[in-house]
Amino acid sequence: MADRTVIFVCSCSYSGSTLLNLMLASNKSSFATGEISFAFHPRKAHHLSIRCGCGDSDCDIWPSLIKGKPENIHSLIMDKYGKRLVVDSSKEPWWVEKRSSELEKSGVRVIKLIVWKTPLEIIDSFSKRGKRKQWSKHWVNYH
């Protein structure tokens, strides 16, 4: 089991966590979940319709993974798809702590990364998306 690892990429919105998630999980023995916490605890309409990035409209990876409870979702991915590394960029600290505890108890190595941007860098990221007024709420709430 020690050769199995889950990396949690934590950050405030628009910090580059999705890009880092994809880079870390870019080899055949890895699986990028994106913000999988929202599949189990949706907050926005687009969280209700999860589609695979493979482009195949008949792909059943996500429906088969999220039909149950979130407990041990990372281990399920490793077991079902033969992956040694799962990268999760869910932003919710409670999700990271709960899933980390489960994983560590089962012998899976857990790495927690945080993508840090200064307030000025976050303002720039939000401004590029036409959301400048929202930056402080996100940055303060997260950090």
N, C-alpha and C. Protein backbone atom coordinates (compact mmCIF):
# COMPACT_ATOMS: atom_id res chain seq x y z
N MET A 1 0.81 -1.21 0.00
CA MET A 1 0.00 0.00 0.00
C MET A 1 0.85 1.27 0.00
N ALA A 2 2.05 1.19 0.52
CA ALA A 2 2.88 2.39 0.65
C ALA A 2 3.22 3.02 -0.71
N ASP A 3 3.08 2.26 -1.77
CA ASP A 3 3.37 2.84 -3.08
C ASP A 3 2.17 3.58 -3.65
N ARG A 4 1.13 3.73 -2.85
CA ARG A 4 -0.07 4.46 -3.28
C ARG A 4 -0.08 5.82 -2.61
N THR A 5 -0.36 6.85 -3.41
CA THR A 5 -0.30 8.23 -2.91
C THR A 5 -1.48 9.03 -3.42
N VAL A 6 -1.99 9.89 -2.56
CA VAL A 6 -2.99 10.89 -2.97
C VAL A 6 -2.39 12.25 -2.66
N ILE A 7 -2.39 13.11 -3.66
CA ILE A 7 -1.95 14.49 -3.49
C ILE A 7 -3.18 15.38 -3.52
N PHE A 8 -3.35 16.18 -2.49
CA PHE A 8 -4.41 17.18 -2.45
C PHE A 8 -3.80 18.53 -2.82
N VAL A 9 -4.32 19.15 -3.88
CA VAL A 9 -3.86 20.46 -4.30
C VAL A 9 -4.90 21.46 -3.80
N CYS A 10 -4.53 22.23 -2.80
CA CYS A 10 -5.46 23.16 -2.15
C CYS A 10 -5.15 24.59 -2.61
N SER A 11 -6.18 25.39 -2.71
CA SER A 11 -5.97 26.78 -3.11
C SER A 11 -7.28 27.55 -3.07
N CYS A 12 -7.14 28.83 -3.16
CA CYS A 12 -8.26 29.73 -3.37
C CYS A 12 -8.64 29.62 -4.86
N SER A 13 -9.81 30.02 -5.22
CA SER A 13 -10.23 30.00 -6.62
C SER A 13 -9.26 30.78 -7.50
N TYR A 14 -9.11 30.33 -8.74
CA TYR A 14 -8.29 30.99 -9.75
C TYR A 14 -6.82 31.13 -9.34
N SER A 15 -6.31 30.06 -8.73
CA SER A 15 -4.92 30.07 -8.29
C SER A 15 -4.02 29.17 -9.13
N GLY A 16 -4.59 28.43 -10.06
CA GLY A 16 -3.79 27.51 -10.86
C GLY A 16 -3.84 26.07 -10.39
N SER A 17 -4.75 25.76 -9.49
CA SER A 17 -4.82 24.40 -8.94
C SER A 17 -5.22 23.37 -10.00
N THR A 18 -6.06 23.74 -10.93
CA THR A 18 -6.46 22.79 -11.98
C THR A 18 -5.28 22.44 -12.86
N LEU A 19 -4.51 23.43 -13.24
CA LEU A 19 -3.32 23.18 -14.06
C LEU A 19 -2.32 22.30 -13.31
N LEU A 20 -2.07 22.61 -12.04
CA LEU A 20 -1.15 21.79 -11.25
C LEU A 20 -1.68 20.37 -11.11
N ASN A 21 -2.98 20.21 -10.90
CA ASN A 21 -3.61 18.90 -10.81
C ASN A 21 -3.32 18.08 -12.06
N LEU A 22 -3.52 18.68 -13.21
CA LEU A 22 -3.31 17.97 -14.47
C LEU A 22 -1.84 17.65 -14.72
N MET A 23 -0.96 18.55 -14.33
CA MET A 23 0.48 18.29 -14.51
C MET A 23 0.95 17.15 -13.61
N LEU A 24 0.52 17.16 -12.36
CA LEU A 24 0.95 16.12 -11.42
C LEU A 24 0.43 14.74 -11.81
N ALA A 25 -0.74 14.70 -12.44
CA ALA A 25 -1.36 13.42 -12.79
C ALA A 25 -1.23 13.13 -14.28
N SER A 26 -0.14 13.54 -14.88
CA SER A 26 -0.02 13.43 -16.33
C SER A 26 0.59 12.12 -16.85
N ASN A 27 0.86 11.18 -15.97
CA ASN A 27 1.39 9.92 -16.50
C ASN A 27 0.37 8.79 -16.34
N LYS A 28 0.66 7.65 -16.93
CA LYS A 28 -0.31 6.55 -17.01
C LYS A 28 -0.68 5.94 -15.66
N SER A 29 0.17 6.10 -14.66
CA SER A 29 -0.13 5.51 -13.35
C SER A 29 -0.87 6.48 -12.44
N SER A 30 -1.32 7.61 -13.00
CA SER A 30 -1.97 8.65 -12.21
C SER A 30 -3.39 8.94 -12.69
N PHE A 31 -4.15 9.57 -11.81
CA PHE A 31 -5.55 9.90 -12.10
C PHE A 31 -5.83 11.28 -11.51
N ALA A 32 -6.28 12.22 -12.31
CA ALA A 32 -6.65 13.56 -11.85
C ALA A 32 -8.16 13.61 -11.60
N THR A 33 -8.54 13.90 -10.37
CA THR A 33 -9.98 13.95 -10.06
C THR A 33 -10.58 15.33 -10.24
N GLY A 34 -9.73 16.35 -10.36
CA GLY A 34 -10.27 17.70 -10.34
C GLY A 34 -10.89 17.97 -8.98
N GLU A 35 -11.93 18.76 -8.92
CA GLU A 35 -12.59 19.11 -7.66
C GLU A 35 -13.70 18.10 -7.36
N ILE A 36 -13.31 16.88 -7.09
CA ILE A 36 -14.27 15.78 -6.92
C ILE A 36 -15.22 15.98 -5.74
N SER A 37 -14.84 16.78 -4.76
CA SER A 37 -15.72 17.01 -3.61
C SER A 37 -17.07 17.56 -4.05
N PHE A 38 -17.08 18.37 -5.13
CA PHE A 38 -18.33 18.96 -5.58
C PHE A 38 -19.27 17.94 -6.23
N ALA A 39 -18.75 16.79 -6.63
CA ALA A 39 -19.62 15.74 -7.17
C ALA A 39 -20.51 15.18 -6.06
N PHE A 40 -19.98 15.19 -4.84
CA PHE A 40 -20.73 14.66 -3.69
C PHE A 40 -21.44 15.76 -2.91
N HIS A 41 -20.94 16.98 -3.01
CA HIS A 41 -21.51 18.12 -2.30
C HIS A 41 -21.59 19.31 -3.25
N PRO A 42 -22.50 19.25 -4.24
CA PRO A 42 -22.58 20.32 -5.25
C PRO A 42 -23.03 21.65 -4.65
N ARG A 43 -22.44 22.73 -5.15
CA ARG A 43 -22.83 24.07 -4.73
C ARG A 43 -23.35 24.90 -5.88
N LYS A 44 -23.06 24.46 -7.10
CA LYS A 44 -23.48 25.20 -8.29
C LYS A 44 -24.09 24.22 -9.29
N ALA A 45 -24.86 24.75 -10.21
CA ALA A 45 -25.56 23.90 -11.19
C ALA A 45 -24.60 23.01 -11.98
N HIS A 46 -23.44 23.55 -12.38
CA HIS A 46 -22.52 22.74 -13.18
C HIS A 46 -21.89 21.60 -12.39
N HIS A 47 -21.99 21.61 -11.08
CA HIS A 47 -21.50 20.50 -10.27
C HIS A 47 -22.40 19.26 -10.39
N LEU A 48 -23.60 19.46 -10.90
CA LEU A 48 -24.56 18.35 -11.02
C LEU A 48 -24.38 17.53 -12.28
N SER A 49 -23.65 18.04 -13.25
CA SER A 49 -23.47 17.31 -14.51
C SER A 49 -21.99 17.11 -14.80
N ILE A 50 -21.43 16.11 -14.17
CA ILE A 50 -20.00 15.85 -14.32
C ILE A 50 -19.77 15.05 -15.58
N ARG A 51 -18.86 15.56 -16.40
CA ARG A 51 -18.51 14.87 -17.64
C ARG A 51 -17.02 14.58 -17.67
N CYS A 52 -16.67 13.50 -18.28
CA CYS A 52 -15.27 13.11 -18.40
C CYS A 52 -14.57 13.99 -19.42
N GLY A 53 -13.32 14.27 -19.18
CA GLY A 53 -12.53 15.08 -20.09
C GLY A 53 -12.02 14.32 -21.30
N CYS A 54 -12.35 13.03 -21.38
CA CYS A 54 -11.86 12.23 -22.51
C CYS A 54 -12.58 12.57 -23.81
N GLY A 55 -13.75 13.19 -23.72
CA GLY A 55 -14.49 13.56 -24.92
C GLY A 55 -15.49 12.52 -25.40
N ASP A 56 -15.48 11.34 -24.81
CA ASP A 56 -16.42 10.29 -25.19
C ASP A 56 -17.73 10.49 -24.42
N SER A 57 -18.81 10.79 -25.13
CA SER A 57 -20.09 11.05 -24.47
C SER A 57 -20.66 9.82 -23.76
N ASP A 58 -20.18 8.63 -24.12
CA ASP A 58 -20.64 7.40 -23.48
C ASP A 58 -19.74 6.96 -22.32
N CYS A 59 -18.72 7.75 -21.99
CA CYS A 59 -17.79 7.39 -20.92
C CYS A 59 -18.54 7.29 -19.60
N ASP A 60 -18.31 6.19 -18.89
CA ASP A 60 -19.03 5.99 -17.63
C ASP A 60 -18.12 6.06 -16.40
N ILE A 61 -16.92 6.61 -16.56
CA ILE A 61 -16.00 6.68 -15.42
C ILE A 61 -16.64 7.42 -14.25
N TRP A 62 -17.07 8.65 -14.46
CA TRP A 62 -17.59 9.44 -13.33
C TRP A 62 -18.90 8.90 -12.77
N PRO A 63 -19.89 8.55 -13.60
CA PRO A 63 -21.11 8.01 -13.01
C PRO A 63 -20.84 6.76 -12.15
N SER A 64 -19.91 5.92 -12.58
CA SER A 64 -19.63 4.71 -11.80
C SER A 64 -18.89 5.03 -10.51
N LEU A 65 -18.09 6.09 -10.50
CA LEU A 65 -17.32 6.44 -9.30
C LEU A 65 -18.15 7.18 -8.26
N ILE A 66 -19.04 8.05 -8.70
CA ILE A 66 -19.74 8.91 -7.74
C ILE A 66 -21.14 8.41 -7.38
N LYS A 67 -21.47 7.19 -7.77
CA LYS A 67 -22.81 6.69 -7.43
C LYS A 67 -22.95 6.34 -5.96
N GLY A 68 -21.83 6.15 -5.28
CA GLY A 68 -21.87 5.79 -3.86
C GLY A 68 -21.57 6.98 -2.97
N LYS A 69 -20.99 6.68 -1.84
CA LYS A 69 -20.61 7.70 -0.88
C LYS A 69 -19.17 8.14 -1.15
N PRO A 70 -18.80 9.31 -0.63
CA PRO A 70 -17.45 9.81 -0.90
C PRO A 70 -16.34 9.08 -0.14
N GLU A 71 -16.70 8.36 0.90
CA GLU A 71 -15.68 7.66 1.67
C GLU A 71 -14.88 6.73 0.77
N ASN A 72 -13.59 6.80 0.89
CA ASN A 72 -12.66 5.93 0.16
C ASN A 72 -12.73 6.07 -1.36
N ILE A 73 -13.18 7.21 -1.87
CA ILE A 73 -13.27 7.41 -3.31
C ILE A 73 -11.91 7.31 -3.97
N HIS A 74 -10.88 7.81 -3.31
CA HIS A 74 -9.53 7.78 -3.88
C HIS A 74 -9.00 6.35 -3.98
N SER A 75 -9.25 5.55 -2.94
CA SER A 75 -8.84 4.14 -2.98
C SER A 75 -9.62 3.38 -4.04
N LEU A 76 -10.89 3.70 -4.20
CA LEU A 76 -11.71 3.08 -5.24
C LEU A 76 -11.11 3.35 -6.62
N ILE A 77 -10.71 4.59 -6.85
CA ILE A 77 -10.09 4.95 -8.14
C ILE A 77 -8.82 4.14 -8.36
N MET A 78 -7.99 4.06 -7.32
CA MET A 78 -6.73 3.31 -7.45
C MET A 78 -6.99 1.84 -7.74
N ASP A 79 -7.95 1.26 -7.01
CA ASP A 79 -8.26 -0.16 -7.19
C ASP A 79 -8.90 -0.44 -8.54
N LYS A 80 -9.89 0.36 -8.90
CA LYS A 80 -10.66 0.11 -10.12
C LYS A 80 -9.86 0.36 -11.40
N TYR A 81 -8.97 1.36 -11.37
CA TYR A 81 -8.25 1.74 -12.58
C TYR A 81 -6.75 1.46 -12.51
N GLY A 82 -6.30 0.79 -11.43
CA GLY A 82 -4.89 0.41 -11.33
C GLY A 82 -3.94 1.59 -11.25
N LYS A 83 -4.34 2.62 -10.55
CA LYS A 83 -3.51 3.83 -10.42
C LYS A 83 -2.76 3.82 -9.10
N ARG A 84 -1.54 4.36 -9.11
CA ARG A 84 -0.75 4.49 -7.88
C ARG A 84 -0.81 5.89 -7.30
N LEU A 85 -1.21 6.86 -8.13
CA LEU A 85 -1.27 8.25 -7.69
C LEU A 85 -2.60 8.85 -8.11
N VAL A 86 -3.27 9.48 -7.16
CA VAL A 86 -4.50 10.22 -7.45
C VAL A 86 -4.26 11.65 -6.98
N VAL A 87 -4.62 12.60 -7.84
CA VAL A 87 -4.45 14.02 -7.52
C VAL A 87 -5.83 14.66 -7.46
N ASP A 88 -6.13 15.27 -6.34
CA ASP A 88 -7.45 15.85 -6.06
C ASP A 88 -7.27 17.34 -5.79
N SER A 89 -7.93 18.18 -6.59
CA SER A 89 -7.82 19.63 -6.37
C SER A 89 -9.08 20.21 -5.75
N SER A 90 -9.77 19.41 -4.95
CA SER A 90 -10.92 19.93 -4.20
C SER A 90 -10.42 21.02 -3.26
N LYS A 91 -11.14 22.09 -3.19
CA LYS A 91 -10.68 23.25 -2.43
C LYS A 91 -11.18 23.29 -0.98
N GLU A 92 -12.05 22.40 -0.63
CA GLU A 92 -12.67 22.45 0.69
C GLU A 92 -11.75 21.83 1.75
N PRO A 93 -11.27 22.62 2.73
CA PRO A 93 -10.37 22.06 3.75
C PRO A 93 -10.99 20.88 4.52
N TRP A 94 -12.30 20.93 4.79
CA TRP A 94 -12.93 19.83 5.52
C TRP A 94 -12.86 18.54 4.70
N TRP A 95 -13.00 18.63 3.36
CA TRP A 95 -12.91 17.47 2.48
C TRP A 95 -11.50 16.86 2.56
N VAL A 96 -10.52 17.72 2.46
CA VAL A 96 -9.13 17.26 2.48
C VAL A 96 -8.82 16.56 3.80
N GLU A 97 -9.24 17.13 4.90
CA GLU A 97 -8.97 16.51 6.20
C GLU A 97 -9.69 15.18 6.37
N LYS A 98 -10.95 15.14 5.99
CA LYS A 98 -11.74 13.90 6.14
C LYS A 98 -11.17 12.78 5.26
N ARG A 99 -10.92 13.09 3.99
CA ARG A 99 -10.39 12.07 3.08
C ARG A 99 -8.96 11.68 3.47
N SER A 100 -8.15 12.63 3.92
CA SER A 100 -6.78 12.33 4.34
C SER A 100 -6.77 11.34 5.49
N SER A 101 -7.64 11.55 6.44
CA SER A 101 -7.72 10.66 7.59
C SER A 101 -8.05 9.23 7.16
N GLU A 102 -9.03 9.09 6.27
CA GLU A 102 -9.40 7.76 5.75
C GLU A 102 -8.21 7.10 5.05
N LEU A 103 -7.55 7.87 4.21
CA LEU A 103 -6.45 7.34 3.41
C LEU A 103 -5.27 6.92 4.28
N GLU A 104 -4.91 7.76 5.23
CA GLU A 104 -3.77 7.45 6.09
C GLU A 104 -4.04 6.20 6.92
N LYS A 105 -5.28 6.03 7.39
CA LYS A 105 -5.64 4.82 8.15
C LYS A 105 -5.51 3.56 7.31
N SER A 106 -5.69 3.69 6.01
CA SER A 106 -5.60 2.51 5.14
C SER A 106 -4.19 2.34 4.54
N GLY A 107 -3.23 3.15 4.99
CA GLY A 107 -1.86 3.00 4.55
C GLY A 107 -1.48 3.75 3.28
N VAL A 108 -2.35 4.61 2.80
CA VAL A 108 -2.06 5.41 1.61
C VAL A 108 -1.32 6.67 2.04
N ARG A 109 -0.25 6.99 1.35
CA ARG A 109 0.51 8.20 1.64
C ARG A 109 -0.29 9.41 1.15
N VAL A 110 -0.34 10.45 1.96
CA VAL A 110 -1.09 11.67 1.63
C VAL A 110 -0.12 12.84 1.60
N ILE A 111 -0.20 13.63 0.55
CA ILE A 111 0.57 14.86 0.42
C ILE A 111 -0.42 15.99 0.22
N LYS A 112 -0.27 17.04 1.01
CA LYS A 112 -1.13 18.22 0.89
C LYS A 112 -0.29 19.39 0.41
N LEU A 113 -0.68 19.95 -0.72
CA LEU A 113 0.00 21.12 -1.28
C LEU A 113 -0.95 22.29 -1.24
N ILE A 114 -0.41 23.47 -1.04
CA ILE A 114 -1.25 24.65 -1.15
C ILE A 114 -0.62 25.58 -2.18
N VAL A 115 -1.45 26.04 -3.10
CA VAL A 115 -1.02 27.01 -4.10
C VAL A 115 -1.26 28.38 -3.48
N TRP A 116 -0.20 29.12 -3.30
CA TRP A 116 -0.29 30.42 -2.66
C TRP A 116 -0.10 31.53 -3.68
N LYS A 117 -1.02 32.45 -3.68
CA LYS A 117 -0.89 33.69 -4.46
C LYS A 117 -1.12 34.84 -3.50
N THR A 118 -0.38 35.90 -3.70
CA THR A 118 -0.57 37.10 -2.88
C THR A 118 -1.91 37.73 -3.24
N PRO A 119 -2.40 38.63 -2.39
CA PRO A 119 -3.64 39.32 -2.76
C PRO A 119 -3.57 40.01 -4.12
N LEU A 120 -2.43 40.63 -4.45
CA LEU A 120 -2.31 41.29 -5.75
C LEU A 120 -2.39 40.29 -6.90
N GLU A 121 -1.79 39.11 -6.72
CA GLU A 121 -1.85 38.08 -7.76
C GLU A 121 -3.28 37.54 -7.91
N ILE A 122 -3.99 37.41 -6.80
CA ILE A 122 -5.38 36.94 -6.86
C ILE A 122 -6.26 37.99 -7.52
N ILE A 123 -6.05 39.26 -7.19
CA ILE A 123 -6.81 40.34 -7.84
C ILE A 123 -6.63 40.24 -9.35
N ASP A 124 -5.40 40.02 -9.78
CA ASP A 124 -5.12 39.91 -11.22
C ASP A 124 -5.86 38.71 -11.82
N SER A 125 -5.83 37.56 -11.14
CA SER A 125 -6.52 36.36 -11.64
C SER A 125 -8.02 36.57 -11.74
N PHE A 126 -8.61 37.19 -10.74
CA PHE A 126 -10.05 37.45 -10.76
C PHE A 126 -10.40 38.51 -11.82
N SER A 127 -9.55 39.52 -11.95
CA SER A 127 -9.79 40.58 -12.93
C SER A 127 -9.81 40.04 -14.35
N LYS A 128 -8.92 39.10 -14.66
CA LYS A 128 -8.88 38.50 -15.99
C LYS A 128 -10.19 37.82 -16.35
N ARG A 129 -10.93 37.43 -15.34
CA ARG A 129 -12.20 36.72 -15.55
C ARG A 129 -13.41 37.62 -15.33
N GLY A 130 -13.17 38.91 -15.17
CA GLY A 130 -14.26 39.86 -14.97
C GLY A 130 -14.90 39.74 -13.60
N LYS A 131 -14.14 39.25 -12.61
CA LYS A 131 -14.70 39.02 -11.27
C LYS A 131 -13.90 39.75 -10.19
N ARG A 132 -13.34 40.88 -10.53
CA ARG A 132 -12.45 41.59 -9.60
C ARG A 132 -13.10 41.84 -8.24
N LYS A 133 -14.37 42.19 -8.22
CA LYS A 133 -15.03 42.52 -6.96
C LYS A 133 -15.15 41.32 -6.01
N GLN A 134 -15.00 40.13 -6.53
CA GLN A 134 -15.18 38.92 -5.71
C GLN A 134 -13.89 38.40 -5.08
N TRP A 135 -12.74 38.94 -5.46
CA TRP A 135 -11.47 38.36 -5.04
C TRP A 135 -11.30 38.28 -3.53
N SER A 136 -11.63 39.36 -2.81
CA SER A 136 -11.32 39.40 -1.37
C SER A 136 -12.12 38.37 -0.60
N LYS A 137 -13.38 38.18 -0.97
CA LYS A 137 -14.19 37.18 -0.28
C LYS A 137 -13.55 35.80 -0.42
N HIS A 138 -13.15 35.45 -1.61
CA HIS A 138 -12.54 34.14 -1.85
C HIS A 138 -11.19 33.99 -1.13
N TRP A 139 -10.36 35.00 -1.25
CA TRP A 139 -9.02 34.93 -0.68
C TRP A 139 -9.10 34.87 0.85
N VAL A 140 -9.89 35.77 1.46
CA VAL A 140 -10.01 35.80 2.91
C VAL A 140 -10.66 34.52 3.43
N ASN A 141 -11.73 34.07 2.79
CA ASN A 141 -12.40 32.85 3.23
C ASN A 141 -11.47 31.64 3.19
N TYR A 142 -10.65 31.58 2.15
CA TYR A 142 -9.79 30.40 2.02
C TYR A 142 -8.61 30.45 2.99
N HIS A 143 -7.97 31.60 3.05
CA HIS A 143 -6.76 31.68 3.87
C HIS A 143 -7.06 32.10 5.29
